[in-house]
Protein backbone atom coordinates (compact mmCIF):
# COMPACT_ATOMS: atom_id res chain seq x y z
CA UNK A 1 0.00 0.00 0.00
CA UNK A 2 1.31 3.44 -0.87
CA UNK A 3 1.93 5.82 2.00
CA UNK A 4 1.95 9.59 1.74
CA UNK A 5 4.55 11.36 3.84
CA UNK A 6 5.17 15.11 3.83
CA UNK A 7 7.18 15.64 6.96
CA UNK A 8 10.38 14.05 8.29
CA UNK A 9 8.34 12.54 11.15
CA UNK A 10 5.89 10.93 8.71
CA UNK A 11 8.78 9.53 6.67
CA UNK A 12 10.36 8.15 9.84
CA UNK A 13 7.07 6.62 10.94
CA UNK A 14 6.69 4.88 7.57
CA UNK A 15 10.23 3.53 7.82
CA UNK A 16 9.59 2.26 11.36
CA UNK A 17 6.38 0.52 10.27
CA UNK A 18 8.18 -1.26 7.42
CA UNK A 19 11.11 -2.26 9.65
CA UNK A 20 8.73 -3.77 12.17
CA UNK A 21 6.70 -5.44 9.42
CA UNK A 22 9.93 -7.15 8.32
CA UNK A 23 10.56 -8.13 11.97
CA UNK A 24 13.86 -6.24 12.15
CA UNK A 25 15.23 -4.28 15.06
CA UNK A 26 17.15 -1.04 14.61
CA UNK A 27 20.52 -2.72 15.20
CA UNK A 28 19.90 -5.31 12.48
CA UNK A 29 18.81 -2.62 10.04
CA UNK A 30 21.94 -0.70 11.00
CA UNK A 31 24.07 -3.74 10.15
CA UNK A 32 22.36 -4.07 6.76
CA UNK A 33 23.02 -0.43 5.94
CA UNK A 34 26.40 -0.12 7.70
CA UNK A 35 24.87 2.60 9.89
CA UNK A 36 24.84 2.88 13.66
CA UNK A 37 21.66 1.95 15.51
CA UNK A 38 21.53 5.56 16.75
CA UNK A 39 21.42 6.75 13.13
CA UNK A 40 18.48 4.43 12.39
CA UNK A 41 16.74 5.79 15.47
CA UNK A 42 17.34 9.36 14.30
CA UNK A 43 15.93 8.61 10.84
CA UNK A 44 12.84 7.00 12.36
CA UNK A 45 12.26 9.96 14.66
CA UNK A 46 12.49 12.44 11.77
CA UNK A 47 15.58 14.12 13.17
CA UNK A 48 16.79 17.13 11.18
CA UNK A 49 20.06 16.79 9.33
CA UNK A 50 19.56 13.28 7.97
CA UNK A 51 21.53 12.99 4.76
CA UNK A 52 19.63 12.04 1.64
CA UNK A 53 22.11 9.22 0.96
CA UNK A 54 21.44 7.81 4.45
CA UNK A 55 17.71 7.92 3.84
CA UNK A 56 18.13 6.19 0.46
CA UNK A 57 20.28 3.46 2.04
CA UNK A 58 17.64 2.80 4.70
CA UNK A 59 14.83 2.74 2.15
CA UNK A 60 16.76 0.32 -0.07
CA UNK A 61 17.48 -2.00 2.87
CA UNK A 62 13.74 -2.09 3.60
CA UNK A 63 12.84 -2.64 -0.07
CA UNK A 64 11.16 0.79 -0.23
CA UNK A 65 11.56 3.63 -2.72
CA UNK A 66 10.69 7.30 -3.15
CA UNK A 67 7.91 8.22 -5.54
CA UNK A 68 7.73 11.87 -6.53
CA UNK A 69 4.34 13.12 -7.69
CA UNK A 70 2.19 16.24 -7.54
CA UNK A 71 1.01 17.06 -4.05
CA UNK A 72 -2.52 16.09 -3.05
CA UNK A 73 -4.82 18.58 -1.34
CA UNK A 74 -4.84 16.81 2.06
CA UNK A 75 -3.21 18.59 4.98
CA UNK A 76 -0.33 16.95 6.88
CA UNK A 77 -2.68 16.31 9.82
CA UNK A 78 -5.18 14.55 7.54
CA UNK A 79 -2.38 12.44 6.13
CA UNK A 80 -1.23 11.54 9.65
CA UNK A 81 -4.78 10.32 10.36
CA UNK A 82 -4.40 7.73 7.59
CA UNK A 83 -1.81 5.91 9.69
PDB file of N, CA and C in Angstrom:
ATOM      1  N   UNK A   1       0.840  -1.179   0.000  1.00  0.00           N
ATOM      2  CA  UNK A   1       0.000   0.000   0.000  1.00  0.00           C
ATOM      3  C   UNK A   1       0.888   1.245   0.000  1.00  0.00           C
ATOM      4  N   UNK A   2       0.567   2.193  -0.839  1.00  0.00           N
ATOM      5  CA  UNK A   2       1.314   3.442  -0.875  1.00  0.00           C
ATOM      6  C   UNK A   2       1.037   4.250   0.388  1.00  0.00           C
ATOM      7  N   UNK A   3       2.062   4.949   0.838  1.00  0.00           N
ATOM      8  CA  UNK A   3       1.930   5.816   1.996  1.00  0.00           C
ATOM      9  C   UNK A   3       2.359   7.214   1.593  1.00  0.00           C
ATOM     10  N   UNK A   4       1.591   8.200   2.003  1.00  0.00           N
ATOM     11  CA  UNK A   4       1.947   9.590   1.737  1.00  0.00           C
ATOM     12  C   UNK A   4       2.661  10.124   2.968  1.00  0.00           C
ATOM     13  N   UNK A   5       3.801  10.753   2.744  1.00  0.00           N
ATOM     14  CA  UNK A   5       4.551  11.358   3.843  1.00  0.00           C
ATOM     15  C   UNK A   5       5.049  12.716   3.376  1.00  0.00           C
ATOM     16  N   UNK A   6       4.766  13.736   4.173  1.00  0.00           N
ATOM     17  CA  UNK A   6       5.172  15.105   3.832  1.00  0.00           C
ATOM     18  C   UNK A   6       6.154  15.700   4.819  1.00  0.00           C
ATOM     19  N   UNK A   7       6.302  15.088   5.945  1.00  0.00           N
ATOM     20  CA  UNK A   7       7.185  15.638   6.963  1.00  0.00           C
ATOM     21  C   UNK A   7       8.245  14.588   7.307  1.00  0.00           C
ATOM     22  N   UNK A   8       9.376  15.021   7.859  1.00  0.00           N
ATOM     23  CA  UNK A   8      10.378  14.045   8.292  1.00  0.00           C
ATOM     24  C   UNK A   8       9.815  13.021   9.288  1.00  0.00           C
ATOM     25  N   UNK A   9       8.942  13.470  10.190  1.00  0.00           N
ATOM     26  CA  UNK A   9       8.342  12.541  11.152  1.00  0.00           C
ATOM     27  C   UNK A   9       7.497  11.489  10.448  1.00  0.00           C
ATOM     28  N   UNK A  10       6.720  11.888   9.455  1.00  0.00           N
ATOM     29  CA  UNK A  10       5.892  10.934   8.714  1.00  0.00           C
ATOM     30  C   UNK A  10       6.758   9.946   7.930  1.00  0.00           C
ATOM     31  N   UNK A  11       7.858  10.422   7.375  1.00  0.00           N
ATOM     32  CA  UNK A  11       8.780   9.525   6.670  1.00  0.00           C
ATOM     33  C   UNK A  11       9.369   8.529   7.670  1.00  0.00           C
ATOM     34  N   UNK A  12       9.800   9.029   8.813  1.00  0.00           N
ATOM     35  CA  UNK A  12      10.357   8.151   9.841  1.00  0.00           C
ATOM     36  C   UNK A  12       9.356   7.123  10.330  1.00  0.00           C
ATOM     37  N   UNK A  13       8.117   7.547  10.507  1.00  0.00           N
ATOM     38  CA  UNK A  13       7.067   6.618  10.939  1.00  0.00           C
ATOM     39  C   UNK A  13       6.850   5.513   9.906  1.00  0.00           C
ATOM     40  N   UNK A  14       6.864   5.872   8.632  1.00  0.00           N
ATOM     41  CA  UNK A  14       6.687   4.876   7.565  1.00  0.00           C
ATOM     42  C   UNK A  14       7.849   3.890   7.556  1.00  0.00           C
ATOM     43  N   UNK A  15       9.054   4.394   7.765  1.00  0.00           N
ATOM     44  CA  UNK A  15      10.234   3.531   7.818  1.00  0.00           C
ATOM     45  C   UNK A  15      10.135   2.576   9.011  1.00  0.00           C
ATOM     46  N   UNK A  16       9.741   3.104  10.165  1.00  0.00           N
ATOM     47  CA  UNK A  16       9.593   2.263  11.360  1.00  0.00           C
ATOM     48  C   UNK A  16       8.557   1.168  11.132  1.00  0.00           C
ATOM     49  N   UNK A  17       7.420   1.524  10.538  1.00  0.00           N
ATOM     50  CA  UNK A  17       6.381   0.522  10.268  1.00  0.00           C
ATOM     51  C   UNK A  17       6.911  -0.599   9.375  1.00  0.00           C
ATOM     52  N   UNK A  18       7.646  -0.241   8.325  1.00  0.00           N
ATOM     53  CA  UNK A  18       8.182  -1.257   7.417  1.00  0.00           C
ATOM     54  C   UNK A  18       9.240  -2.118   8.118  1.00  0.00           C
ATOM     55  N   UNK A  19      10.089  -1.497   8.920  1.00  0.00           N
ATOM     56  CA  UNK A  19      11.112  -2.257   9.649  1.00  0.00           C
ATOM     57  C   UNK A  19      10.453  -3.284  10.558  1.00  0.00           C
ATOM     58  N   UNK A  20       9.434  -2.852  11.269  1.00  0.00           N
ATOM     59  CA  UNK A  20       8.727  -3.774  12.169  1.00  0.00           C
ATOM     60  C   UNK A  20       7.976  -4.846  11.385  1.00  0.00           C
ATOM     61  N   UNK A  21       7.400  -4.470  10.268  1.00  0.00           N
ATOM     62  CA  UNK A  21       6.702  -5.437   9.419  1.00  0.00           C
ATOM     63  C   UNK A  21       7.657  -6.544   8.978  1.00  0.00           C
ATOM     64  N   UNK A  22       8.910  -6.172   8.728  1.00  0.00           N
ATOM     65  CA  UNK A  22       9.932  -7.146   8.324  1.00  0.00           C
ATOM     66  C   UNK A  22      10.569  -7.844   9.523  1.00  0.00           C
ATOM     67  N   UNK A  23      10.082  -7.533  10.727  1.00  0.00           N
ATOM     68  CA  UNK A  23      10.561  -8.128  11.968  1.00  0.00           C
ATOM     69  C   UNK A  23      12.054  -7.880  12.177  1.00  0.00           C
ATOM     70  N   UNK A  24      12.469  -6.647  11.939  1.00  0.00           N
ATOM     71  CA  UNK A  24      13.855  -6.238  12.152  1.00  0.00           C
ATOM     72  C   UNK A  24      13.924  -5.269  13.318  1.00  0.00           C
ATOM     73  N   UNK A  25      15.007  -5.327  14.069  1.00  0.00           N
ATOM     74  CA  UNK A  25      15.225  -4.282  15.058  1.00  0.00           C
ATOM     75  C   UNK A  25      16.162  -3.239  14.452  1.00  0.00           C
ATOM     76  N   UNK A  26      16.334  -2.128  15.147  1.00  0.00           N
ATOM     77  CA  UNK A  26      17.153  -1.040  14.608  1.00  0.00           C
ATOM     78  C   UNK A  26      18.602  -1.470  14.420  1.00  0.00           C
ATOM     79  N   UNK A  27      19.120  -2.279  15.310  1.00  0.00           N
ATOM     80  CA  UNK A  27      20.515  -2.722  15.200  1.00  0.00           C
ATOM     81  C   UNK A  27      20.722  -3.573  13.948  1.00  0.00           C
ATOM     82  N   UNK A  28      19.784  -4.457  13.667  1.00  0.00           N
ATOM     83  CA  UNK A  28      19.897  -5.307  12.484  1.00  0.00           C
ATOM     84  C   UNK A  28      19.808  -4.469  11.212  1.00  0.00           C
ATOM     85  N   UNK A  29      18.893  -3.512  11.196  1.00  0.00           N
ATOM     86  CA  UNK A  29      18.806  -2.620  10.037  1.00  0.00           C
ATOM     87  C   UNK A  29      20.100  -1.822   9.902  1.00  0.00           C
ATOM     88  N   UNK A  30      20.665  -1.404  11.024  1.00  0.00           N
ATOM     89  CA  UNK A  30      21.940  -0.703  11.002  1.00  0.00           C
ATOM     90  C   UNK A  30      23.048  -1.558  10.390  1.00  0.00           C
ATOM     91  N   UNK A  31      23.076  -2.834  10.732  1.00  0.00           N
ATOM     92  CA  UNK A  31      24.073  -3.740  10.155  1.00  0.00           C
ATOM     93  C   UNK A  31      23.889  -3.860   8.638  1.00  0.00           C
ATOM     94  N   UNK A  32      22.642  -3.947   8.201  1.00  0.00           N
ATOM     95  CA  UNK A  32      22.362  -4.067   6.762  1.00  0.00           C
ATOM     96  C   UNK A  32      22.791  -2.833   5.980  1.00  0.00           C
ATOM     97  N   UNK A  33      22.717  -1.689   6.625  1.00  0.00           N
ATOM     98  CA  UNK A  33      23.023  -0.430   5.941  1.00  0.00           C
ATOM     99  C   UNK A  33      24.404   0.113   6.301  1.00  0.00           C
ATOM    100  N   UNK A  34      25.093  -0.587   7.206  1.00  0.00           N
ATOM    101  CA  UNK A  34      26.398  -0.122   7.705  1.00  0.00           C
ATOM    102  C   UNK A  34      26.276   1.228   8.425  1.00  0.00           C
ATOM    103  N   UNK A  35      25.131   1.401   9.088  1.00  0.00           N
ATOM    104  CA  UNK A  35      24.871   2.605   9.885  1.00  0.00           C
ATOM    105  C   UNK A  35      24.736   2.205  11.349  1.00  0.00           C
ATOM    106  N   UNK A  36      25.007   3.136  12.229  1.00  0.00           N
ATOM    107  CA  UNK A  36      24.840   2.878  13.656  1.00  0.00           C
ATOM    108  C   UNK A  36      23.349   2.791  14.004  1.00  0.00           C
ATOM    109  N   UNK A  37      23.043   2.059  15.046  1.00  0.00           N
ATOM    110  CA  UNK A  37      21.660   1.951  15.515  1.00  0.00           C
ATOM    111  C   UNK A  37      21.124   3.333  15.846  1.00  0.00           C
ATOM    112  N   UNK A  38      21.964   4.204  16.400  1.00  0.00           N
ATOM    113  CA  UNK A  38      21.533   5.558  16.746  1.00  0.00           C
ATOM    114  C   UNK A  38      21.126   6.347  15.506  1.00  0.00           C
ATOM    115  N   UNK A  39      21.779   6.078  14.380  1.00  0.00           N
ATOM    116  CA  UNK A  39      21.419   6.752  13.130  1.00  0.00           C
ATOM    117  C   UNK A  39      20.048   6.275  12.657  1.00  0.00           C
ATOM    118  N   UNK A  40      19.803   4.972  12.755  1.00  0.00           N
ATOM    119  CA  UNK A  40      18.483   4.431  12.387  1.00  0.00           C
ATOM    120  C   UNK A  40      17.408   5.057  13.267  1.00  0.00           C
ATOM    121  N   UNK A  41      17.686   5.166  14.549  1.00  0.00           N
ATOM    122  CA  UNK A  41      16.741   5.794  15.472  1.00  0.00           C
ATOM    123  C   UNK A  41      16.463   7.238  15.071  1.00  0.00           C
ATOM    124  N   UNK A  42      17.498   7.960  14.707  1.00  0.00           N
ATOM    125  CA  UNK A  42      17.336   9.365  14.303  1.00  0.00           C
ATOM    126  C   UNK A  42      16.490   9.476  13.041  1.00  0.00           C
ATOM    127  N   UNK A  43      16.729   8.598  12.074  1.00  0.00           N
ATOM    128  CA  UNK A  43      15.933   8.607  10.837  1.00  0.00           C
ATOM    129  C   UNK A  43      14.472   8.353  11.172  1.00  0.00           C
ATOM    130  N   UNK A  44      14.216   7.357  12.007  1.00  0.00           N
ATOM    131  CA  UNK A  44      12.838   7.003  12.356  1.00  0.00           C
ATOM    132  C   UNK A  44      12.135   8.092  13.162  1.00  0.00           C
ATOM    133  N   UNK A  45      12.884   8.888  13.875  1.00  0.00           N
ATOM    134  CA  UNK A  45      12.261   9.960  14.661  1.00  0.00           C
ATOM    135  C   UNK A  45      12.092  11.242  13.850  1.00  0.00           C
ATOM    136  N   UNK A  46      12.612  11.245  12.606  1.00  0.00           N
ATOM    137  CA  UNK A  46      12.489  12.436  11.765  1.00  0.00           C
ATOM    138  C   UNK A  46      13.457  13.525  12.149  1.00  0.00           C
ATOM    139  N   UNK A  47      14.594  13.144  12.718  1.00  0.00           N
ATOM    140  CA  UNK A  47      15.582  14.122  13.168  1.00  0.00           C
ATOM    141  C   UNK A  47      16.089  14.978  12.005  1.00  0.00           C
ATOM    142  N   UNK A  48      16.256  16.273  12.237  1.00  0.00           N
ATOM    143  CA  UNK A  48      16.793  17.132  11.185  1.00  0.00           C
ATOM    144  C   UNK A  48      18.246  16.763  10.900  1.00  0.00           C
ATOM    145  N   UNK A  49      18.675  17.019   9.691  1.00  0.00           N
ATOM    146  CA  UNK A  49      20.063  16.791   9.328  1.00  0.00           C
ATOM    147  C   UNK A  49      20.347  15.418   8.750  1.00  0.00           C
ATOM    148  N   UNK A  50      19.342  14.587   8.583  1.00  0.00           N
ATOM    149  CA  UNK A  50      19.560  13.277   7.974  1.00  0.00           C
ATOM    150  C   UNK A  50      19.968  13.482   6.517  1.00  0.00           C
ATOM    151  N   UNK A  51      21.060  12.862   6.135  1.00  0.00           N
ATOM    152  CA  UNK A  51      21.529  12.992   4.761  1.00  0.00           C
ATOM    153  C   UNK A  51      20.644  12.184   3.822  1.00  0.00           C
ATOM    154  N   UNK A  52      20.454  12.716   2.638  1.00  0.00           N
ATOM    155  CA  UNK A  52      19.633  12.036   1.643  1.00  0.00           C
ATOM    156  C   UNK A  52      20.193  10.656   1.321  1.00  0.00           C
ATOM    157  N   UNK A  53      21.502  10.531   1.248  1.00  0.00           N
ATOM    158  CA  UNK A  53      22.108   9.222   0.958  1.00  0.00           C
ATOM    159  C   UNK A  53      21.813   8.223   2.076  1.00  0.00           C
ATOM    160  N   UNK A  54      21.792   8.683   3.322  1.00  0.00           N
ATOM    161  CA  UNK A  54      21.443   7.814   4.449  1.00  0.00           C
ATOM    162  C   UNK A  54      20.007   7.341   4.315  1.00  0.00           C
ATOM    163  N   UNK A  55      19.119   8.265   4.009  1.00  0.00           N
ATOM    164  CA  UNK A  55      17.709   7.919   3.840  1.00  0.00           C
ATOM    165  C   UNK A  55      17.529   6.914   2.704  1.00  0.00           C
ATOM    166  N   UNK A  56      18.215   7.124   1.598  1.00  0.00           N
ATOM    167  CA  UNK A  56      18.129   6.194   0.458  1.00  0.00           C
ATOM    168  C   UNK A  56      18.658   4.815   0.833  1.00  0.00           C
ATOM    169  N   UNK A  57      19.737   4.747   1.599  1.00  0.00           N
ATOM    170  CA  UNK A  57      20.282   3.457   2.038  1.00  0.00           C
ATOM    171  C   UNK A  57      19.282   2.712   2.916  1.00  0.00           C
ATOM    172  N   UNK A  58      18.631   3.426   3.822  1.00  0.00           N
ATOM    173  CA  UNK A  58      17.645   2.799   4.701  1.00  0.00           C
ATOM    174  C   UNK A  58      16.448   2.313   3.882  1.00  0.00           C
ATOM    175  N   UNK A  59      15.957   3.146   2.988  1.00  0.00           N
ATOM    176  CA  UNK A  59      14.827   2.740   2.150  1.00  0.00           C
ATOM    177  C   UNK A  59      15.167   1.496   1.334  1.00  0.00           C
ATOM    178  N   UNK A  60      16.353   1.463   0.747  1.00  0.00           N
ATOM    179  CA  UNK A  60      16.759   0.318  -0.072  1.00  0.00           C
ATOM    180  C   UNK A  60      16.829  -0.953   0.780  1.00  0.00           C
ATOM    181  N   UNK A  61      17.361  -0.840   1.985  1.00  0.00           N
ATOM    182  CA  UNK A  61      17.481  -2.005   2.868  1.00  0.00           C
ATOM    183  C   UNK A  61      16.116  -2.550   3.273  1.00  0.00           C
ATOM    184  N   UNK A  62      15.106  -1.686   3.255  1.00  0.00           N
ATOM    185  CA  UNK A  62      13.743  -2.093   3.604  1.00  0.00           C
ATOM    186  C   UNK A  62      12.893  -2.393   2.377  1.00  0.00           C
ATOM    187  N   UNK A  63      13.529  -2.392   1.207  1.00  0.00           N
ATOM    188  CA  UNK A  63      12.841  -2.637  -0.067  1.00  0.00           C
ATOM    189  C   UNK A  63      11.732  -1.605  -0.300  1.00  0.00           C
ATOM    190  N   UNK A  64      12.053  -0.340   0.002  1.00  0.00           N
ATOM    191  CA  UNK A  64      11.162   0.793  -0.229  1.00  0.00           C
ATOM    192  C   UNK A  64      11.816   1.738  -1.229  1.00  0.00           C
ATOM    193  N   UNK A  65      11.022   2.634  -1.803  1.00  0.00           N
ATOM    194  CA  UNK A  65      11.559   3.628  -2.720  1.00  0.00           C
ATOM    195  C   UNK A  65      10.750   4.914  -2.621  1.00  0.00           C
ATOM    196  N   UNK A  66      11.391   6.018  -3.033  1.00  0.00           N
ATOM    197  CA  UNK A  66      10.692   7.296  -3.147  1.00  0.00           C
ATOM    198  C   UNK A  66       9.846   7.298  -4.413  1.00  0.00           C
ATOM    199  N   UNK A  67       8.706   7.944  -4.348  1.00  0.00           N
ATOM    200  CA  UNK A  67       7.906   8.222  -5.536  1.00  0.00           C
ATOM    201  C   UNK A  67       7.578   9.711  -5.469  1.00  0.00           C
ATOM    202  N   UNK A  68       7.971  10.435  -6.488  1.00  0.00           N
ATOM    203  CA  UNK A  68       7.727  11.873  -6.531  1.00  0.00           C
ATOM    204  C   UNK A  68       6.523  12.113  -7.437  1.00  0.00           C
ATOM    205  N   UNK A  69       5.553  12.844  -6.923  1.00  0.00           N
ATOM    206  CA  UNK A  69       4.339  13.116  -7.691  1.00  0.00           C
ATOM    207  C   UNK A  69       3.768  14.452  -7.233  1.00  0.00           C
ATOM    208  N   UNK A  70       2.823  14.995  -7.976  1.00  0.00           N
ATOM    209  CA  UNK A  70       2.193  16.243  -7.543  1.00  0.00           C
ATOM    210  C   UNK A  70       1.521  16.047  -6.178  1.00  0.00           C
ATOM    211  N   UNK A  71       1.553  17.084  -5.412  1.00  0.00           N
ATOM    212  CA  UNK A  71       1.010  17.059  -4.053  1.00  0.00           C
ATOM    213  C   UNK A  71      -0.513  16.990  -4.068  1.00  0.00           C
ATOM    214  N   UNK A  72      -1.073  16.152  -3.200  1.00  0.00           N
ATOM    215  CA  UNK A  72      -2.525  16.087  -3.051  1.00  0.00           C
ATOM    216  C   UNK A  72      -2.985  17.265  -2.199  1.00  0.00           C
ATOM    217  N   UNK A  73      -4.267  17.440  -2.071  1.00  0.00           N
ATOM    218  CA  UNK A  73      -4.822  18.577  -1.340  1.00  0.00           C
ATOM    219  C   UNK A  73      -4.970  18.328   0.159  1.00  0.00           C
ATOM    220  N   UNK A  74      -4.703  17.114   0.636  1.00  0.00           N
ATOM    221  CA  UNK A  74      -4.839  16.809   2.060  1.00  0.00           C
ATOM    222  C   UNK A  74      -3.789  17.566   2.865  1.00  0.00           C
ATOM    223  N   UNK A  75      -4.153  17.928   4.082  1.00  0.00           N
ATOM    224  CA  UNK A  75      -3.207  18.595   4.980  1.00  0.00           C
ATOM    225  C   UNK A  75      -2.325  17.534   5.646  1.00  0.00           C
ATOM    226  N   UNK A  76      -1.170  17.927   6.182  1.00  0.00           N
ATOM    227  CA  UNK A  76      -0.327  16.952   6.884  1.00  0.00           C
ATOM    228  C   UNK A  76      -1.060  16.228   8.021  1.00  0.00           C
ATOM    229  N   UNK A  77      -1.920  16.939   8.734  1.00  0.00           N
ATOM    230  CA  UNK A  77      -2.677  16.311   9.816  1.00  0.00           C
ATOM    231  C   UNK A  77      -3.654  15.255   9.290  1.00  0.00           C
ATOM    232  N   UNK A  78      -4.284  15.541   8.154  1.00  0.00           N
ATOM    233  CA  UNK A  78      -5.182  14.554   7.543  1.00  0.00           C
ATOM    234  C   UNK A  78      -4.411  13.331   7.086  1.00  0.00           C
ATOM    235  N   UNK A  79      -3.208  13.559   6.563  1.00  0.00           N
ATOM    236  CA  UNK A  79      -2.383  12.435   6.135  1.00  0.00           C
ATOM    237  C   UNK A  79      -1.969  11.608   7.340  1.00  0.00           C
ATOM    238  N   UNK A  80      -1.625  12.252   8.433  1.00  0.00           N
ATOM    239  CA  UNK A  80      -1.233  11.542   9.655  1.00  0.00           C
ATOM    240  C   UNK A  80      -2.376  10.662  10.134  1.00  0.00           C
ATOM    241  N   UNK A  81      -3.627  11.097   9.949  1.00  0.00           N
ATOM    242  CA  UNK A  81      -4.783  10.316  10.364  1.00  0.00           C
ATOM    243  C   UNK A  81      -4.910   9.000   9.599  1.00  0.00           C
ATOM    244  N   UNK A  82      -4.343   8.953   8.395  1.00  0.00           N
ATOM    245  CA  UNK A  82      -4.397   7.729   7.591  1.00  0.00           C
ATOM    246  C   UNK A  82      -3.691   6.592   8.310  1.00  0.00           C
ATOM    247  N   UNK A  83      -2.629   6.923   9.019  1.00  0.00           N
ATOM    248  CA  UNK A  83      -1.814   5.907   9.694  1.00  0.00           C
ATOM    249  C   UNK A  83      -2.442   5.564  11.007  1.00  0.00           C
TER     250      UNK A  83
END
